[in-house]
Amino acid sequence: MSRPFDLTLYLVTDPRLVAACGLVATVEAAVKGGATIVQLRDPDAHGRALVEQARALKALLAPLRIPLIINDRVDVAVAADADGVHLGQDDITPADARALLGPERILGLSVGNPAEFAASDVGVVDYLGVGPVKATGTKKDAGAAIGTSGVTAVRALTRLPIVGIGGIDGALAAEVIRAGADGVAVVSAICAAPDPEHAARALLSAVTAAR
């Protein structure tokens, strides 16, 4: 049984976009604004640097009981005692990740469409990241945009919690929730905002109103 988590407003960090304010300060502001779960994503960081970043975020988030998820890197999650890992389709299998993480950590998996869902081992997964809902420049290897109809299509296939991701702003957030998602994951909508706390608060309001 994994630790409890809330997908309502899922912040995914981007090292370039948080550079001006700093990683920890950006995440701290987003959490004050209502972010409910945080994923550390930095594909260019080497293992040691990523562990240091993860530990800094863990120190911030643990007292607030907000889960810290590490993108891709199971080893980093274990070393930093993070709350979980989010896997892409090309990462190690969910079964292998679960064997390394144990039963209590949160395990998420990206699913772009019903075909990817059908080909995935979701039996050991706690939630699904569905998208990209809209074309995005923050993830170069993202697949084709699936729109809110794509979210609805995956929602019909599973009872797992799902979070929509990819190009989501305040206006689109409400549509994603109405399409069946349990929450929205955002990168630039918070990380690139002049005031991450205000941006998070506005997104949270949009999600809450759409429920």
N, C-alpha and C. Protein backbone atom coordinates (compact mmCIF):
# COMPACT_ATOMS: atom_id res chain seq x y z
N MET A 1 0.85 -1.19 0.00
CA MET A 1 0.00 0.00 0.00
C MET A 1 0.89 1.24 0.00
N SER A 2 0.72 2.09 -1.02
CA SER A 2 1.58 3.27 -1.12
C SER A 2 1.12 4.38 -0.17
N ARG A 3 1.97 5.34 0.02
CA ARG A 3 1.65 6.48 0.87
C ARG A 3 0.50 7.27 0.24
N PRO A 4 -0.31 7.95 1.04
CA PRO A 4 -1.41 8.73 0.47
C PRO A 4 -0.89 9.89 -0.37
N PHE A 5 -1.63 10.24 -1.40
CA PHE A 5 -1.22 11.36 -2.24
C PHE A 5 -2.46 12.02 -2.85
N ASP A 6 -2.29 13.26 -3.26
CA ASP A 6 -3.37 14.07 -3.82
C ASP A 6 -2.87 14.67 -5.13
N LEU A 7 -3.49 14.28 -6.23
CA LEU A 7 -3.05 14.71 -7.56
C LEU A 7 -3.64 16.05 -8.00
N THR A 8 -4.41 16.70 -7.15
CA THR A 8 -5.16 17.89 -7.56
C THR A 8 -4.31 18.88 -8.35
N LEU A 9 -3.19 19.31 -7.79
CA LEU A 9 -2.30 20.24 -8.48
C LEU A 9 -0.87 19.72 -8.37
N TYR A 10 -0.40 19.14 -9.46
CA TYR A 10 0.85 18.38 -9.52
C TYR A 10 1.90 19.25 -10.21
N LEU A 11 2.88 19.72 -9.44
CA LEU A 11 3.95 20.55 -9.99
C LEU A 11 5.10 19.68 -10.48
N VAL A 12 5.51 19.90 -11.73
CA VAL A 12 6.69 19.25 -12.29
C VAL A 12 7.73 20.33 -12.52
N THR A 13 8.91 20.18 -11.94
CA THR A 13 9.92 21.23 -12.04
C THR A 13 10.68 21.16 -13.36
N ASP A 14 11.15 22.32 -13.79
CA ASP A 14 11.98 22.43 -14.99
C ASP A 14 13.20 23.27 -14.61
N PRO A 15 14.42 22.72 -14.77
CA PRO A 15 15.61 23.42 -14.28
C PRO A 15 15.84 24.78 -14.92
N ARG A 16 15.47 24.91 -16.19
CA ARG A 16 15.67 26.20 -16.86
C ARG A 16 14.67 27.24 -16.38
N LEU A 17 13.43 26.83 -16.19
CA LEU A 17 12.39 27.77 -15.83
C LEU A 17 12.47 28.22 -14.38
N VAL A 18 13.05 27.39 -13.51
CA VAL A 18 13.16 27.79 -12.10
C VAL A 18 14.49 28.47 -11.79
N ALA A 19 15.33 28.64 -12.80
CA ALA A 19 16.68 29.16 -12.56
C ALA A 19 16.66 30.56 -11.95
N ALA A 20 15.72 31.39 -12.38
CA ALA A 20 15.71 32.78 -11.90
C ALA A 20 15.43 32.86 -10.40
N CYS A 21 14.44 32.12 -9.94
CA CYS A 21 14.07 32.17 -8.52
C CYS A 21 14.78 31.12 -7.69
N GLY A 22 15.23 30.05 -8.34
CA GLY A 22 15.82 28.93 -7.63
C GLY A 22 14.80 27.82 -7.45
N LEU A 23 15.28 26.59 -7.44
CA LEU A 23 14.39 25.43 -7.36
C LEU A 23 13.57 25.42 -6.08
N VAL A 24 14.23 25.50 -4.95
CA VAL A 24 13.54 25.37 -3.67
C VAL A 24 12.56 26.54 -3.46
N ALA A 25 12.98 27.75 -3.81
CA ALA A 25 12.10 28.91 -3.63
C ALA A 25 10.87 28.82 -4.51
N THR A 26 11.04 28.33 -5.74
CA THR A 26 9.90 28.18 -6.65
C THR A 26 8.93 27.15 -6.11
N VAL A 27 9.45 26.02 -5.67
CA VAL A 27 8.58 24.96 -5.13
C VAL A 27 7.90 25.44 -3.85
N GLU A 28 8.62 26.14 -3.00
CA GLU A 28 8.03 26.65 -1.77
C GLU A 28 6.86 27.59 -2.06
N ALA A 29 7.03 28.46 -3.05
CA ALA A 29 5.96 29.39 -3.42
C ALA A 29 4.77 28.63 -3.99
N ALA A 30 5.04 27.64 -4.83
CA ALA A 30 3.96 26.86 -5.44
C ALA A 30 3.15 26.12 -4.39
N VAL A 31 3.84 25.58 -3.40
CA VAL A 31 3.17 24.85 -2.33
C VAL A 31 2.31 25.80 -1.49
N LYS A 32 2.82 26.99 -1.25
CA LYS A 32 2.02 28.00 -0.52
C LYS A 32 0.75 28.32 -1.29
N GLY A 33 0.84 28.27 -2.63
CA GLY A 33 -0.32 28.54 -3.46
C GLY A 33 -1.26 27.38 -3.63
N GLY A 34 -0.85 26.19 -3.17
CA GLY A 34 -1.77 25.06 -3.20
C GLY A 34 -1.31 23.83 -3.95
N ALA A 35 -0.08 23.78 -4.44
CA ALA A 35 0.41 22.56 -5.09
C ALA A 35 0.33 21.40 -4.10
N THR A 36 -0.17 20.26 -4.56
CA THR A 36 -0.44 19.14 -3.64
C THR A 36 0.57 18.01 -3.75
N ILE A 37 1.39 18.02 -4.81
CA ILE A 37 2.39 16.98 -5.02
C ILE A 37 3.45 17.57 -5.95
N VAL A 38 4.70 17.19 -5.77
CA VAL A 38 5.80 17.79 -6.53
C VAL A 38 6.67 16.71 -7.15
N GLN A 39 6.97 16.89 -8.44
CA GLN A 39 7.90 15.99 -9.12
C GLN A 39 9.17 16.75 -9.49
N LEU A 40 10.30 16.19 -9.07
CA LEU A 40 11.60 16.73 -9.45
C LEU A 40 12.00 16.14 -10.79
N ARG A 41 12.08 17.00 -11.80
CA ARG A 41 12.47 16.56 -13.13
C ARG A 41 13.63 17.42 -13.62
N ASP A 42 14.77 16.81 -13.83
CA ASP A 42 15.95 17.51 -14.35
C ASP A 42 16.77 16.50 -15.15
N PRO A 43 16.41 16.31 -16.44
CA PRO A 43 17.07 15.27 -17.24
C PRO A 43 18.55 15.49 -17.47
N ASP A 44 19.02 16.72 -17.25
CA ASP A 44 20.44 17.01 -17.50
C ASP A 44 21.31 16.88 -16.26
N ALA A 45 20.70 16.73 -15.10
CA ALA A 45 21.47 16.65 -13.86
C ALA A 45 22.05 15.25 -13.67
N HIS A 46 23.28 15.19 -13.23
CA HIS A 46 23.90 13.90 -12.92
C HIS A 46 23.41 13.41 -11.56
N GLY A 47 23.68 12.16 -11.26
CA GLY A 47 23.11 11.52 -10.09
C GLY A 47 23.34 12.25 -8.79
N ARG A 48 24.57 12.66 -8.53
CA ARG A 48 24.86 13.30 -7.24
C ARG A 48 24.12 14.62 -7.09
N ALA A 49 24.12 15.42 -8.15
CA ALA A 49 23.42 16.71 -8.11
C ALA A 49 21.92 16.51 -7.92
N LEU A 50 21.40 15.50 -8.58
CA LEU A 50 19.96 15.23 -8.49
C LEU A 50 19.58 14.78 -7.07
N VAL A 51 20.43 13.98 -6.46
CA VAL A 51 20.17 13.55 -5.08
C VAL A 51 20.19 14.76 -4.14
N GLU A 52 21.12 15.67 -4.35
CA GLU A 52 21.20 16.87 -3.51
C GLU A 52 19.94 17.72 -3.66
N GLN A 53 19.48 17.88 -4.91
CA GLN A 53 18.25 18.63 -5.15
C GLN A 53 17.07 17.94 -4.47
N ALA A 54 17.01 16.63 -4.62
CA ALA A 54 15.91 15.87 -4.03
C ALA A 54 15.89 16.00 -2.51
N ARG A 55 17.05 15.94 -1.89
CA ARG A 55 17.11 16.06 -0.44
C ARG A 55 16.68 17.44 0.03
N ALA A 56 17.05 18.46 -0.73
CA ALA A 56 16.64 19.83 -0.38
C ALA A 56 15.12 19.96 -0.47
N LEU A 57 14.52 19.39 -1.51
CA LEU A 57 13.07 19.45 -1.64
C LEU A 57 12.38 18.58 -0.59
N LYS A 58 12.95 17.45 -0.28
CA LYS A 58 12.38 16.57 0.74
C LYS A 58 12.32 17.29 2.08
N ALA A 59 13.38 18.02 2.41
CA ALA A 59 13.43 18.76 3.67
C ALA A 59 12.33 19.81 3.73
N LEU A 60 12.02 20.41 2.59
CA LEU A 60 10.95 21.41 2.51
C LEU A 60 9.57 20.77 2.60
N LEU A 61 9.38 19.68 1.86
CA LEU A 61 8.05 19.13 1.66
C LEU A 61 7.60 18.16 2.75
N ALA A 62 8.53 17.41 3.32
CA ALA A 62 8.14 16.38 4.30
C ALA A 62 7.35 16.94 5.48
N PRO A 63 7.77 18.07 6.07
CA PRO A 63 6.98 18.61 7.20
C PRO A 63 5.57 19.04 6.78
N LEU A 64 5.39 19.33 5.50
CA LEU A 64 4.08 19.75 4.98
C LEU A 64 3.25 18.57 4.51
N ARG A 65 3.84 17.38 4.57
CA ARG A 65 3.18 16.14 4.13
C ARG A 65 2.80 16.21 2.65
N ILE A 66 3.64 16.82 1.88
CA ILE A 66 3.44 16.87 0.43
C ILE A 66 4.45 15.92 -0.21
N PRO A 67 3.97 14.93 -0.98
CA PRO A 67 4.88 13.93 -1.54
C PRO A 67 5.85 14.51 -2.56
N LEU A 68 7.07 14.00 -2.53
CA LEU A 68 8.09 14.31 -3.53
C LEU A 68 8.28 13.10 -4.44
N ILE A 69 8.07 13.31 -5.72
CA ILE A 69 8.22 12.27 -6.73
C ILE A 69 9.45 12.59 -7.57
N ILE A 70 10.23 11.58 -7.91
CA ILE A 70 11.41 11.77 -8.76
C ILE A 70 11.10 11.25 -10.16
N ASN A 71 11.40 12.03 -11.16
CA ASN A 71 11.17 11.60 -12.53
C ASN A 71 12.24 10.59 -12.95
N ASP A 72 11.80 9.44 -13.40
CA ASP A 72 12.65 8.40 -14.00
C ASP A 72 13.56 7.64 -13.03
N ARG A 73 14.24 8.36 -12.13
CA ARG A 73 15.38 7.80 -11.42
C ARG A 73 15.01 7.12 -10.11
N VAL A 74 14.88 5.81 -10.18
CA VAL A 74 14.57 5.02 -8.98
C VAL A 74 15.70 5.11 -7.98
N ASP A 75 16.94 5.08 -8.47
CA ASP A 75 18.10 5.12 -7.56
C ASP A 75 18.14 6.42 -6.77
N VAL A 76 17.82 7.52 -7.43
CA VAL A 76 17.82 8.82 -6.76
C VAL A 76 16.71 8.88 -5.72
N ALA A 77 15.55 8.34 -6.06
CA ALA A 77 14.43 8.34 -5.12
C ALA A 77 14.78 7.57 -3.85
N VAL A 78 15.42 6.43 -4.01
CA VAL A 78 15.80 5.62 -2.85
C VAL A 78 16.87 6.33 -2.03
N ALA A 79 17.88 6.89 -2.70
CA ALA A 79 18.97 7.56 -2.00
C ALA A 79 18.48 8.76 -1.20
N ALA A 80 17.51 9.51 -1.76
CA ALA A 80 17.03 10.72 -1.11
C ALA A 80 15.81 10.46 -0.24
N ASP A 81 15.37 9.22 -0.17
CA ASP A 81 14.16 8.85 0.56
C ASP A 81 12.96 9.66 0.09
N ALA A 82 12.85 9.81 -1.23
CA ALA A 82 11.70 10.48 -1.81
C ALA A 82 10.47 9.59 -1.67
N ASP A 83 9.31 10.16 -1.93
CA ASP A 83 8.06 9.42 -1.73
C ASP A 83 7.67 8.54 -2.91
N GLY A 84 8.32 8.74 -4.04
CA GLY A 84 7.97 7.92 -5.19
C GLY A 84 8.72 8.28 -6.45
N VAL A 85 8.32 7.62 -7.54
CA VAL A 85 8.97 7.77 -8.84
C VAL A 85 7.89 7.85 -9.91
N HIS A 86 8.16 8.66 -10.94
CA HIS A 86 7.28 8.68 -12.11
C HIS A 86 8.06 8.15 -13.30
N LEU A 87 7.50 7.15 -13.97
CA LEU A 87 8.17 6.51 -15.10
C LEU A 87 7.55 6.92 -16.42
N GLY A 88 8.40 7.01 -17.45
CA GLY A 88 7.94 7.15 -18.82
C GLY A 88 7.87 5.79 -19.48
N GLN A 89 7.38 5.77 -20.70
CA GLN A 89 7.23 4.51 -21.42
C GLN A 89 8.57 3.84 -21.74
N ASP A 90 9.64 4.62 -21.78
CA ASP A 90 10.95 4.06 -22.13
C ASP A 90 11.83 3.79 -20.92
N ASP A 91 11.33 4.03 -19.74
CA ASP A 91 12.09 3.78 -18.52
C ASP A 91 11.99 2.30 -18.13
N ILE A 92 12.56 1.94 -16.99
CA ILE A 92 12.45 0.55 -16.56
C ILE A 92 10.98 0.21 -16.33
N THR A 93 10.66 -1.05 -16.34
CA THR A 93 9.26 -1.45 -16.23
C THR A 93 8.71 -1.13 -14.84
N PRO A 94 7.41 -0.91 -14.75
CA PRO A 94 6.82 -0.69 -13.43
C PRO A 94 7.12 -1.81 -12.44
N ALA A 95 7.12 -3.05 -12.92
CA ALA A 95 7.39 -4.19 -12.03
C ALA A 95 8.80 -4.11 -11.46
N ASP A 96 9.78 -3.77 -12.31
CA ASP A 96 11.16 -3.64 -11.83
C ASP A 96 11.30 -2.47 -10.87
N ALA A 97 10.62 -1.37 -11.19
CA ALA A 97 10.67 -0.21 -10.31
C ALA A 97 10.05 -0.53 -8.95
N ARG A 98 8.92 -1.21 -8.97
CA ARG A 98 8.25 -1.55 -7.72
C ARG A 98 9.12 -2.46 -6.86
N ALA A 99 9.82 -3.39 -7.51
CA ALA A 99 10.70 -4.30 -6.77
C ALA A 99 11.80 -3.52 -6.04
N LEU A 100 12.28 -2.46 -6.66
CA LEU A 100 13.34 -1.65 -6.05
C LEU A 100 12.80 -0.66 -5.03
N LEU A 101 11.60 -0.16 -5.28
CA LEU A 101 11.02 0.88 -4.41
C LEU A 101 10.35 0.32 -3.17
N GLY A 102 9.87 -0.93 -3.26
CA GLY A 102 9.09 -1.49 -2.18
C GLY A 102 7.63 -1.09 -2.30
N PRO A 103 6.79 -1.58 -1.41
CA PRO A 103 5.34 -1.38 -1.55
C PRO A 103 4.83 -0.01 -1.15
N GLU A 104 5.58 0.75 -0.36
CA GLU A 104 5.04 1.97 0.23
C GLU A 104 5.24 3.22 -0.62
N ARG A 105 6.21 3.21 -1.51
CA ARG A 105 6.45 4.41 -2.30
C ARG A 105 5.45 4.50 -3.46
N ILE A 106 5.19 5.72 -3.88
CA ILE A 106 4.22 6.01 -4.94
C ILE A 106 4.88 5.75 -6.29
N LEU A 107 4.14 5.11 -7.19
CA LEU A 107 4.67 4.82 -8.52
C LEU A 107 3.68 5.33 -9.57
N GLY A 108 4.15 6.26 -10.39
CA GLY A 108 3.33 6.80 -11.47
C GLY A 108 3.89 6.38 -12.83
N LEU A 109 3.03 6.38 -13.83
CA LEU A 109 3.42 5.98 -15.17
C LEU A 109 2.76 6.88 -16.20
N SER A 110 3.54 7.33 -17.19
CA SER A 110 3.00 8.14 -18.28
C SER A 110 2.34 7.24 -19.31
N VAL A 111 1.13 7.60 -19.70
CA VAL A 111 0.38 6.88 -20.72
C VAL A 111 -0.19 7.91 -21.70
N GLY A 112 0.20 7.80 -22.97
CA GLY A 112 -0.20 8.82 -23.93
C GLY A 112 -1.52 8.57 -24.61
N ASN A 113 -1.96 7.32 -24.61
CA ASN A 113 -3.18 6.99 -25.35
C ASN A 113 -3.63 5.58 -24.94
N PRO A 114 -4.82 5.15 -25.39
CA PRO A 114 -5.30 3.82 -25.02
C PRO A 114 -4.37 2.68 -25.44
N ALA A 115 -3.67 2.84 -26.56
CA ALA A 115 -2.75 1.79 -27.01
C ALA A 115 -1.60 1.62 -26.02
N GLU A 116 -1.04 2.74 -25.55
CA GLU A 116 0.04 2.66 -24.56
C GLU A 116 -0.48 2.07 -23.25
N PHE A 117 -1.70 2.43 -22.89
CA PHE A 117 -2.28 1.85 -21.68
C PHE A 117 -2.38 0.34 -21.80
N ALA A 118 -2.86 -0.12 -22.95
CA ALA A 118 -3.04 -1.55 -23.16
C ALA A 118 -1.71 -2.31 -23.10
N ALA A 119 -0.64 -1.64 -23.52
CA ALA A 119 0.67 -2.29 -23.56
C ALA A 119 1.44 -2.16 -22.24
N SER A 120 0.87 -1.46 -21.28
CA SER A 120 1.57 -1.18 -20.02
C SER A 120 1.13 -2.12 -18.91
N ASP A 121 2.08 -2.42 -18.02
CA ASP A 121 1.77 -3.20 -16.81
C ASP A 121 1.38 -2.22 -15.71
N VAL A 122 0.09 -2.00 -15.55
CA VAL A 122 -0.37 -1.01 -14.59
C VAL A 122 -0.78 -1.63 -13.25
N GLY A 123 -0.57 -2.92 -13.12
CA GLY A 123 -1.00 -3.60 -11.90
C GLY A 123 -0.29 -3.14 -10.64
N VAL A 124 0.94 -2.61 -10.80
CA VAL A 124 1.70 -2.17 -9.62
C VAL A 124 1.82 -0.65 -9.58
N VAL A 125 1.06 0.04 -10.44
CA VAL A 125 1.13 1.49 -10.56
C VAL A 125 0.05 2.14 -9.69
N ASP A 126 0.36 3.30 -9.11
CA ASP A 126 -0.58 4.00 -8.24
C ASP A 126 -1.39 5.07 -8.96
N TYR A 127 -0.82 5.66 -10.01
CA TYR A 127 -1.54 6.67 -10.78
C TYR A 127 -0.96 6.74 -12.18
N LEU A 128 -1.70 7.37 -13.09
CA LEU A 128 -1.25 7.54 -14.47
C LEU A 128 -1.15 9.03 -14.81
N GLY A 129 -0.10 9.39 -15.52
CA GLY A 129 0.02 10.72 -16.11
C GLY A 129 -0.41 10.61 -17.56
N VAL A 130 -1.44 11.34 -17.96
CA VAL A 130 -2.04 11.19 -19.29
C VAL A 130 -1.81 12.46 -20.11
N GLY A 131 -1.23 12.30 -21.28
CA GLY A 131 -0.96 13.45 -22.14
C GLY A 131 0.14 13.15 -23.14
N PRO A 132 0.63 14.20 -23.82
CA PRO A 132 0.32 15.60 -23.57
C PRO A 132 -1.07 15.99 -24.06
N VAL A 133 -1.79 16.71 -23.19
CA VAL A 133 -3.11 17.18 -23.56
C VAL A 133 -3.00 18.19 -24.69
N LYS A 134 -1.99 19.05 -24.60
CA LYS A 134 -1.75 20.09 -25.60
C LYS A 134 -0.25 20.08 -25.90
N ALA A 135 0.11 20.47 -27.11
CA ALA A 135 1.53 20.50 -27.47
C ALA A 135 2.31 21.37 -26.49
N THR A 136 3.49 20.90 -26.11
CA THR A 136 4.29 21.60 -25.12
C THR A 136 5.75 21.62 -25.51
N GLY A 137 6.44 22.68 -25.13
CA GLY A 137 7.86 22.78 -25.44
C GLY A 137 8.75 22.40 -24.29
N THR A 138 8.17 22.04 -23.15
CA THR A 138 9.00 21.76 -21.98
C THR A 138 9.50 20.32 -21.94
N LYS A 139 8.95 19.48 -22.78
CA LYS A 139 9.41 18.08 -22.84
C LYS A 139 9.58 17.71 -24.31
N LYS A 140 10.83 17.64 -24.74
CA LYS A 140 11.12 17.50 -26.16
C LYS A 140 10.66 16.15 -26.74
N ASP A 141 10.61 15.10 -25.90
CA ASP A 141 10.25 13.78 -26.40
C ASP A 141 8.77 13.45 -26.18
N ALA A 142 7.98 14.48 -25.86
CA ALA A 142 6.56 14.24 -25.65
C ALA A 142 5.90 13.80 -26.96
N GLY A 143 4.89 12.95 -26.86
CA GLY A 143 4.19 12.47 -28.04
C GLY A 143 3.23 13.52 -28.57
N ALA A 144 2.40 13.10 -29.51
CA ALA A 144 1.43 14.01 -30.11
C ALA A 144 0.36 14.37 -29.08
N ALA A 145 -0.14 15.60 -29.19
CA ALA A 145 -1.19 16.06 -28.28
C ALA A 145 -2.45 15.21 -28.44
N ILE A 146 -3.07 14.86 -27.31
CA ILE A 146 -4.24 13.99 -27.35
C ILE A 146 -5.54 14.73 -27.05
N GLY A 147 -5.43 15.99 -26.61
CA GLY A 147 -6.63 16.75 -26.29
C GLY A 147 -7.36 16.19 -25.08
N THR A 148 -8.42 16.87 -24.69
CA THR A 148 -9.20 16.39 -23.55
C THR A 148 -9.93 15.09 -23.87
N SER A 149 -10.21 14.87 -25.16
CA SER A 149 -10.86 13.62 -25.56
C SER A 149 -9.94 12.43 -25.28
N GLY A 150 -8.63 12.64 -25.39
CA GLY A 150 -7.68 11.58 -25.06
C GLY A 150 -7.69 11.25 -23.59
N VAL A 151 -7.86 12.26 -22.76
CA VAL A 151 -7.96 12.03 -21.31
C VAL A 151 -9.21 11.19 -21.02
N THR A 152 -10.32 11.55 -21.66
CA THR A 152 -11.56 10.81 -21.46
C THR A 152 -11.42 9.36 -21.91
N ALA A 153 -10.69 9.14 -23.02
CA ALA A 153 -10.51 7.79 -23.54
C ALA A 153 -9.75 6.90 -22.55
N VAL A 154 -8.70 7.45 -21.94
CA VAL A 154 -7.93 6.68 -20.95
C VAL A 154 -8.75 6.51 -19.67
N ARG A 155 -9.47 7.55 -19.29
CA ARG A 155 -10.31 7.47 -18.09
C ARG A 155 -11.29 6.30 -18.16
N ALA A 156 -11.79 6.03 -19.37
CA ALA A 156 -12.77 4.95 -19.54
C ALA A 156 -12.16 3.57 -19.36
N LEU A 157 -10.82 3.49 -19.37
CA LEU A 157 -10.16 2.19 -19.34
C LEU A 157 -9.68 1.77 -17.95
N THR A 158 -9.70 2.69 -16.99
CA THR A 158 -9.08 2.38 -15.71
C THR A 158 -9.74 3.11 -14.56
N ARG A 159 -9.61 2.51 -13.38
CA ARG A 159 -10.08 3.16 -12.16
C ARG A 159 -8.93 3.81 -11.41
N LEU A 160 -7.72 3.70 -11.94
CA LEU A 160 -6.58 4.36 -11.32
C LEU A 160 -6.76 5.87 -11.36
N PRO A 161 -6.24 6.58 -10.36
CA PRO A 161 -6.23 8.04 -10.44
C PRO A 161 -5.41 8.49 -11.66
N ILE A 162 -5.87 9.52 -12.35
CA ILE A 162 -5.12 10.03 -13.50
C ILE A 162 -4.94 11.54 -13.37
N VAL A 163 -3.79 12.00 -13.86
CA VAL A 163 -3.49 13.43 -13.88
C VAL A 163 -3.16 13.81 -15.31
N GLY A 164 -3.83 14.84 -15.81
CA GLY A 164 -3.55 15.33 -17.16
C GLY A 164 -2.31 16.19 -17.16
N ILE A 165 -1.51 16.11 -18.23
CA ILE A 165 -0.28 16.89 -18.32
C ILE A 165 -0.04 17.31 -19.76
N GLY A 166 0.63 18.45 -19.92
CA GLY A 166 1.04 18.90 -21.25
C GLY A 166 0.32 20.17 -21.68
N GLY A 167 1.00 21.30 -21.54
CA GLY A 167 0.46 22.56 -22.02
C GLY A 167 -0.75 23.06 -21.26
N ILE A 168 -0.91 22.66 -20.02
CA ILE A 168 -2.11 23.02 -19.27
C ILE A 168 -1.93 24.37 -18.57
N ASP A 169 -2.89 25.27 -18.85
CA ASP A 169 -2.96 26.55 -18.15
C ASP A 169 -4.29 26.61 -17.41
N GLY A 170 -4.61 27.77 -16.87
CA GLY A 170 -5.83 27.90 -16.07
C GLY A 170 -7.08 27.56 -16.85
N ALA A 171 -7.16 28.02 -18.09
CA ALA A 171 -8.36 27.78 -18.90
C ALA A 171 -8.52 26.30 -19.24
N LEU A 172 -7.41 25.65 -19.57
CA LEU A 172 -7.47 24.24 -19.96
C LEU A 172 -7.64 23.32 -18.74
N ALA A 173 -7.18 23.76 -17.59
CA ALA A 173 -7.23 22.93 -16.38
C ALA A 173 -8.66 22.46 -16.10
N ALA A 174 -9.61 23.37 -16.20
CA ALA A 174 -11.00 23.02 -15.91
C ALA A 174 -11.51 21.98 -16.90
N GLU A 175 -11.12 22.11 -18.17
CA GLU A 175 -11.56 21.16 -19.19
C GLU A 175 -10.99 19.76 -18.92
N VAL A 176 -9.75 19.71 -18.47
CA VAL A 176 -9.10 18.43 -18.19
C VAL A 176 -9.81 17.71 -17.03
N ILE A 177 -10.19 18.47 -16.03
CA ILE A 177 -10.92 17.88 -14.90
C ILE A 177 -12.28 17.37 -15.37
N ARG A 178 -12.96 18.16 -16.17
CA ARG A 178 -14.27 17.73 -16.67
C ARG A 178 -14.16 16.53 -17.60
N ALA A 179 -12.98 16.34 -18.19
CA ALA A 179 -12.75 15.19 -19.07
C ALA A 179 -12.52 13.90 -18.29
N GLY A 180 -12.38 14.02 -16.96
CA GLY A 180 -12.24 12.82 -16.14
C GLY A 180 -10.98 12.71 -15.32
N ALA A 181 -10.09 13.69 -15.43
CA ALA A 181 -8.84 13.63 -14.66
C ALA A 181 -9.09 13.97 -13.20
N ASP A 182 -8.27 13.40 -12.33
CA ASP A 182 -8.34 13.70 -10.90
C ASP A 182 -7.56 14.95 -10.54
N GLY A 183 -6.65 15.36 -11.44
CA GLY A 183 -5.85 16.54 -11.19
C GLY A 183 -5.14 16.96 -12.45
N VAL A 184 -4.39 18.06 -12.35
CA VAL A 184 -3.61 18.54 -13.50
C VAL A 184 -2.16 18.68 -13.09
N ALA A 185 -1.27 18.31 -14.00
CA ALA A 185 0.17 18.48 -13.80
C ALA A 185 0.64 19.62 -14.68
N VAL A 186 1.40 20.53 -14.10
CA VAL A 186 1.86 21.70 -14.84
C VAL A 186 3.35 21.91 -14.65
N VAL A 187 3.96 22.48 -15.67
CA VAL A 187 5.37 22.84 -15.61
C VAL A 187 5.49 24.36 -15.72
N SER A 188 5.41 24.86 -16.96
CA SER A 188 5.63 26.29 -17.19
C SER A 188 4.56 27.18 -16.57
N ALA A 189 3.34 26.67 -16.42
CA ALA A 189 2.26 27.49 -15.85
C ALA A 189 2.59 27.97 -14.45
N ILE A 190 3.45 27.24 -13.76
CA ILE A 190 3.92 27.68 -12.44
C ILE A 190 5.39 28.08 -12.49
N CYS A 191 6.23 27.23 -13.06
CA CYS A 191 7.68 27.47 -13.02
C CYS A 191 8.10 28.73 -13.77
N ALA A 192 7.36 29.09 -14.83
CA ALA A 192 7.70 30.28 -15.62
C ALA A 192 6.89 31.50 -15.20
N ALA A 193 6.04 31.34 -14.22
CA ALA A 193 5.19 32.46 -13.80
C ALA A 193 6.00 33.46 -12.97
N PRO A 194 5.72 34.75 -13.12
CA PRO A 194 6.41 35.76 -12.31
C PRO A 194 6.15 35.56 -10.82
N ASP A 195 4.97 35.06 -10.50
CA ASP A 195 4.59 34.80 -9.10
C ASP A 195 4.05 33.37 -9.01
N PRO A 196 4.92 32.40 -8.75
CA PRO A 196 4.49 31.00 -8.71
C PRO A 196 3.38 30.72 -7.70
N GLU A 197 3.40 31.43 -6.58
CA GLU A 197 2.36 31.21 -5.58
C GLU A 197 0.99 31.63 -6.12
N HIS A 198 0.93 32.79 -6.74
CA HIS A 198 -0.32 33.27 -7.32
C HIS A 198 -0.79 32.35 -8.44
N ALA A 199 0.15 31.90 -9.27
CA ALA A 199 -0.18 31.01 -10.38
C ALA A 199 -0.77 29.69 -9.87
N ALA A 200 -0.16 29.14 -8.83
CA ALA A 200 -0.66 27.90 -8.25
C ALA A 200 -2.05 28.09 -7.66
N ARG A 201 -2.24 29.20 -7.01
CA ARG A 201 -3.55 29.47 -6.39
C ARG A 201 -4.64 29.57 -7.46
N ALA A 202 -4.34 30.22 -8.58
CA ALA A 202 -5.31 30.37 -9.66
C ALA A 202 -5.63 29.01 -10.29
N LEU A 203 -4.62 28.18 -10.47
CA LEU A 203 -4.84 26.84 -11.04
C LEU A 203 -5.68 25.98 -10.11
N LEU A 204 -5.36 26.04 -8.83
CA LEU A 204 -6.11 25.26 -7.84
C LEU A 204 -7.58 25.68 -7.84
N SER A 205 -7.81 26.96 -7.95
CA SER A 205 -9.17 27.48 -8.00
C SER A 205 -9.92 26.96 -9.21
N ALA A 206 -9.23 26.92 -10.37
CA ALA A 206 -9.86 26.42 -11.60
C ALA A 206 -10.21 24.94 -11.49
N VAL A 207 -9.31 24.17 -10.90
CA VAL A 207 -9.55 22.73 -10.73
C VAL A 207 -10.71 22.50 -9.76
N THR A 208 -10.69 23.19 -8.65
CA THR A 208 -11.73 23.02 -7.64
C THR A 208 -13.10 23.39 -8.19
N ALA A 209 -13.16 24.46 -8.96
CA ALA A 209 -14.44 24.92 -9.52
C ALA A 209 -14.99 23.93 -10.54
N ALA A 210 -14.10 23.19 -11.21
CA ALA A 210 -14.54 22.28 -12.26
C ALA A 210 -15.03 20.94 -11.71
N ARG A 211 -14.78 20.67 -10.46
CA ARG A 211 -15.16 19.38 -9.87
C ARG A 211 -16.66 19.33 -9.54
